[in-house]
Amino acid sequence: MDGYRYRITVMSGAEDGRSVDIDRTPILLGRHPEDDICLPNDSRVSRHHARITREGDSFFIEDVGPQGKGSTNGTYVGKNRIKEKTAILPGDIILLGTVYLKFGVVPE
């Protein structure tokens, strides 16, 4: 989408309100300080919990967890626990542990 930026916004927990623009992929989400989106205050979030990738104009999220075997508490898009790489659309709500995030698009 020309003229737009993609963004993840934290909607709950200690990081509530924090936004991160997605200017490259993959994006790693988890508690590890080196993750692109670090959520250090929720013990239900794995060190390396999920990954966002882009293929053309489409974005995907996958639950990676320890050694790529999936997280203990899962990754949800809407109310659905994902089992494989899953497409995400602007407006989708993502749940990692007890932290809600929103995938969105904003004009540049």
C-alpha atoms as a PDB file:
ATOM      1  CA  MET A   1       0.000   0.000   0.000  1.00  0.00           C
ATOM      2  CA  ASP A   2       1.819   3.087  -1.215  1.00  0.00           C
ATOM      3  CA  GLY A   3       1.681   6.016   1.169  1.00  0.00           C
ATOM      4  CA  TYR A   4       0.940   3.878   4.230  1.00  0.00           C
ATOM      5  CA  ARG A   5       2.887   2.477   7.169  1.00  0.00           C
ATOM      6  CA  TYR A   6       2.062  -0.729   8.980  1.00  0.00           C
ATOM      7  CA  ARG A   7       2.118  -0.676  12.753  1.00  0.00           C
ATOM      8  CA  ILE A   8       1.698  -2.843  15.836  1.00  0.00           C
ATOM      9  CA  THR A   9       0.148  -1.068  18.834  1.00  0.00           C
ATOM     10  CA  VAL A  10       0.162  -2.573  22.318  1.00  0.00           C
ATOM     11  CA  MET A  11      -3.339  -2.313  23.773  1.00  0.00           C
ATOM     12  CA  SER A  12      -2.885  -3.705  27.302  1.00  0.00           C
ATOM     13  CA  GLY A  13      -0.375  -4.355  30.046  1.00  0.00           C
ATOM     14  CA  ALA A  14       2.667  -2.350  31.073  1.00  0.00           C
ATOM     15  CA  GLU A  15       3.475  -1.412  27.471  1.00  0.00           C
ATOM     16  CA  ASP A  16      -0.071  -0.139  26.724  1.00  0.00           C
ATOM     17  CA  GLY A  17      -0.066   2.555  24.050  1.00  0.00           C
ATOM     18  CA  ARG A  18       3.380   1.758  22.655  1.00  0.00           C
ATOM     19  CA  SER A  19       3.456   1.582  18.837  1.00  0.00           C
ATOM     20  CA  VAL A  20       6.088   0.048  16.592  1.00  0.00           C
ATOM     21  CA  ASP A  21       6.132   0.692  12.850  1.00  0.00           C
ATOM     22  CA  ILE A  22       6.848  -2.344  10.710  1.00  0.00           C
ATOM     23  CA  ASP A  23       9.448  -1.114   8.259  1.00  0.00           C
ATOM     24  CA  ARG A  24      10.994  -4.542   7.620  1.00  0.00           C
ATOM     25  CA  THR A  25      10.306  -8.189   8.316  1.00  0.00           C
ATOM     26  CA  PRO A  26      10.659 -10.549   9.990  1.00  0.00           C
ATOM     27  CA  ILE A  27       9.574  -8.915  13.255  1.00  0.00           C
ATOM     28  CA  LEU A  28      10.051 -10.981  16.423  1.00  0.00           C
ATOM     29  CA  LEU A  29       7.707 -10.518  19.382  1.00  0.00           C
ATOM     30  CA  GLY A  30       8.440 -11.796  22.879  1.00  0.00           C
ATOM     31  CA  ARG A  31      10.048 -11.116  26.251  1.00  0.00           C
ATOM     32  CA  HIS A  32      13.641 -11.255  25.002  1.00  0.00           C
ATOM     33  CA  PRO A  33      15.306  -7.811  25.033  1.00  0.00           C
ATOM     34  CA  GLU A  34      16.565  -8.325  21.478  1.00  0.00           C
ATOM     35  CA  ASP A  35      13.076  -9.012  20.076  1.00  0.00           C
ATOM     36  CA  ASP A  36      11.782  -6.236  17.820  1.00  0.00           C
ATOM     37  CA  ILE A  37       8.676  -5.882  19.985  1.00  0.00           C
ATOM     38  CA  CYS A  38       9.735  -6.677  23.541  1.00  0.00           C
ATOM     39  CA  LEU A  39       6.974  -7.414  26.072  1.00  0.00           C
ATOM     40  CA  PRO A  40       9.099  -7.998  29.192  1.00  0.00           C
ATOM     41  CA  ASN A  41       6.394  -7.669  31.833  1.00  0.00           C
ATOM     42  CA  ASP A  42       4.183 -10.665  31.025  1.00  0.00           C
ATOM     43  CA  SER A  43       5.539 -14.047  32.119  1.00  0.00           C
ATOM     44  CA  ARG A  44       2.944 -15.738  29.862  1.00  0.00           C
ATOM     45  CA  VAL A  45       4.755 -14.344  26.817  1.00  0.00           C
ATOM     46  CA  SER A  46       7.602 -16.622  25.660  1.00  0.00           C
ATOM     47  CA  ARG A  47      11.116 -15.253  25.223  1.00  0.00           C
ATOM     48  CA  HIS A  48      10.628 -15.521  21.443  1.00  0.00           C
ATOM     49  CA  HIS A  49       6.856 -15.908  21.117  1.00  0.00           C
ATOM     50  CA  ALA A  50       5.767 -14.988  17.569  1.00  0.00           C
ATOM     51  CA  ARG A  51       7.088 -13.777  14.227  1.00  0.00           C
ATOM     52  CA  ILE A  52       5.507 -11.429  11.687  1.00  0.00           C
ATOM     53  CA  THR A  53       6.571 -11.756   8.061  1.00  0.00           C
ATOM     54  CA  ARG A  54       5.554 -10.107   4.830  1.00  0.00           C
ATOM     55  CA  GLU A  55       5.020 -11.683   1.429  1.00  0.00           C
ATOM     56  CA  GLY A  56       4.256  -9.061  -1.190  1.00  0.00           C
ATOM     57  CA  ASP A  57       1.382  -6.972   0.171  1.00  0.00           C
ATOM     58  CA  SER A  58       0.329  -9.624   2.717  1.00  0.00           C
ATOM     59  CA  PHE A  59       1.421  -9.972   6.342  1.00  0.00           C
ATOM     60  CA  PHE A  60       1.519 -13.202   8.335  1.00  0.00           C
ATOM     61  CA  ILE A  61       2.016 -14.151  11.975  1.00  0.00           C
ATOM     62  CA  GLU A  62       3.243 -17.461  13.321  1.00  0.00           C
ATOM     63  CA  ASP A  63       3.681 -18.798  16.829  1.00  0.00           C
ATOM     64  CA  VAL A  64       7.338 -19.770  17.230  1.00  0.00           C
ATOM     65  CA  GLY A  65       7.985 -20.292  20.945  1.00  0.00           C
ATOM     66  CA  PRO A  66      11.120 -22.050  22.202  1.00  0.00           C
ATOM     67  CA  GLN A  67      13.175 -23.632  19.431  1.00  0.00           C
ATOM     68  CA  GLY A  68      10.353 -22.921  16.965  1.00  0.00           C
ATOM     69  CA  LYS A  69       8.041 -25.454  18.633  1.00  0.00           C
ATOM     70  CA  GLY A  70       5.290 -22.987  19.517  1.00  0.00           C
ATOM     71  CA  SER A  71       4.666 -21.058  22.701  1.00  0.00           C
ATOM     72  CA  THR A  72       3.104 -22.619  25.786  1.00  0.00           C
ATOM     73  CA  ASN A  73       0.266 -20.091  25.944  1.00  0.00           C
ATOM     74  CA  GLY A  74      -0.306 -19.726  22.212  1.00  0.00           C
ATOM     75  CA  THR A  75      -0.778 -16.863  19.813  1.00  0.00           C
ATOM     76  CA  TYR A  76      -4.305 -15.740  18.965  1.00  0.00           C
ATOM     77  CA  VAL A  77      -5.670 -13.700  16.079  1.00  0.00           C
ATOM     78  CA  GLY A  78      -9.097 -12.567  17.165  1.00  0.00           C
ATOM     79  CA  LYS A  79     -10.452 -15.443  19.258  1.00  0.00           C
ATOM     80  CA  ASN A  80      -8.656 -18.148  17.283  1.00  0.00           C
ATOM     81  CA  ARG A  81      -5.467 -19.818  18.470  1.00  0.00           C
ATOM     82  CA  ILE A  82      -3.241 -20.120  15.432  1.00  0.00           C
ATOM     83  CA  LYS A  83      -1.578 -23.424  14.596  1.00  0.00           C
ATOM     84  CA  GLU A  84       0.343 -22.331  11.499  1.00  0.00           C
ATOM     85  CA  LYS A  85       1.435 -19.203   9.668  1.00  0.00           C
ATOM     86  CA  THR A  86      -1.734 -17.092   9.500  1.00  0.00           C
ATOM     87  CA  ALA A  87      -2.566 -13.994   7.451  1.00  0.00           C
ATOM     88  CA  ILE A  88      -3.249 -10.804   9.415  1.00  0.00           C
ATOM     89  CA  LEU A  89      -5.136  -7.773   8.164  1.00  0.00           C
ATOM     90  CA  PRO A  90      -5.216  -4.180   9.382  1.00  0.00           C
ATOM     91  CA  GLY A  91      -7.535  -4.012  12.369  1.00  0.00           C
ATOM     92  CA  ASP A  92      -6.771  -7.556  13.559  1.00  0.00           C
ATOM     93  CA  ILE A  93      -6.275  -8.023  17.302  1.00  0.00           C
ATOM     94  CA  ILE A  94      -3.431 -10.329  18.341  1.00  0.00           C
ATOM     95  CA  LEU A  95      -3.071 -11.879  21.803  1.00  0.00           C
ATOM     96  CA  LEU A  96       0.287 -13.004  23.215  1.00  0.00           C
ATOM     97  CA  GLY A  97       0.068 -14.199  26.822  1.00  0.00           C
ATOM     98  CA  THR A  98      -2.214 -11.565  28.339  1.00  0.00           C
ATOM     99  CA  VAL A  99      -1.054  -8.734  26.055  1.00  0.00           C
ATOM    100  CA  TYR A 100      -3.365  -7.505  23.301  1.00  0.00           C
ATOM    101  CA  LEU A 101      -1.855  -5.909  20.204  1.00  0.00           C
ATOM    102  CA  LYS A 102      -3.472  -4.339  17.163  1.00  0.00           C
ATOM    103  CA  PHE A 103      -2.111  -4.668  13.660  1.00  0.00           C
ATOM    104  CA  GLY A 104      -2.889  -1.502  11.754  1.00  0.00           C
ATOM    105  CA  VAL A 105      -2.070   0.774   8.888  1.00  0.00           C
ATOM    106  CA  VAL A 106      -1.592   4.549   9.067  1.00  0.00           C
ATOM    107  CA  PRO A 107      -1.068   7.128   6.324  1.00  0.00           C
ATOM    108  CA  GLU A 108       2.476   8.445   5.858  1.00  0.00           C
END
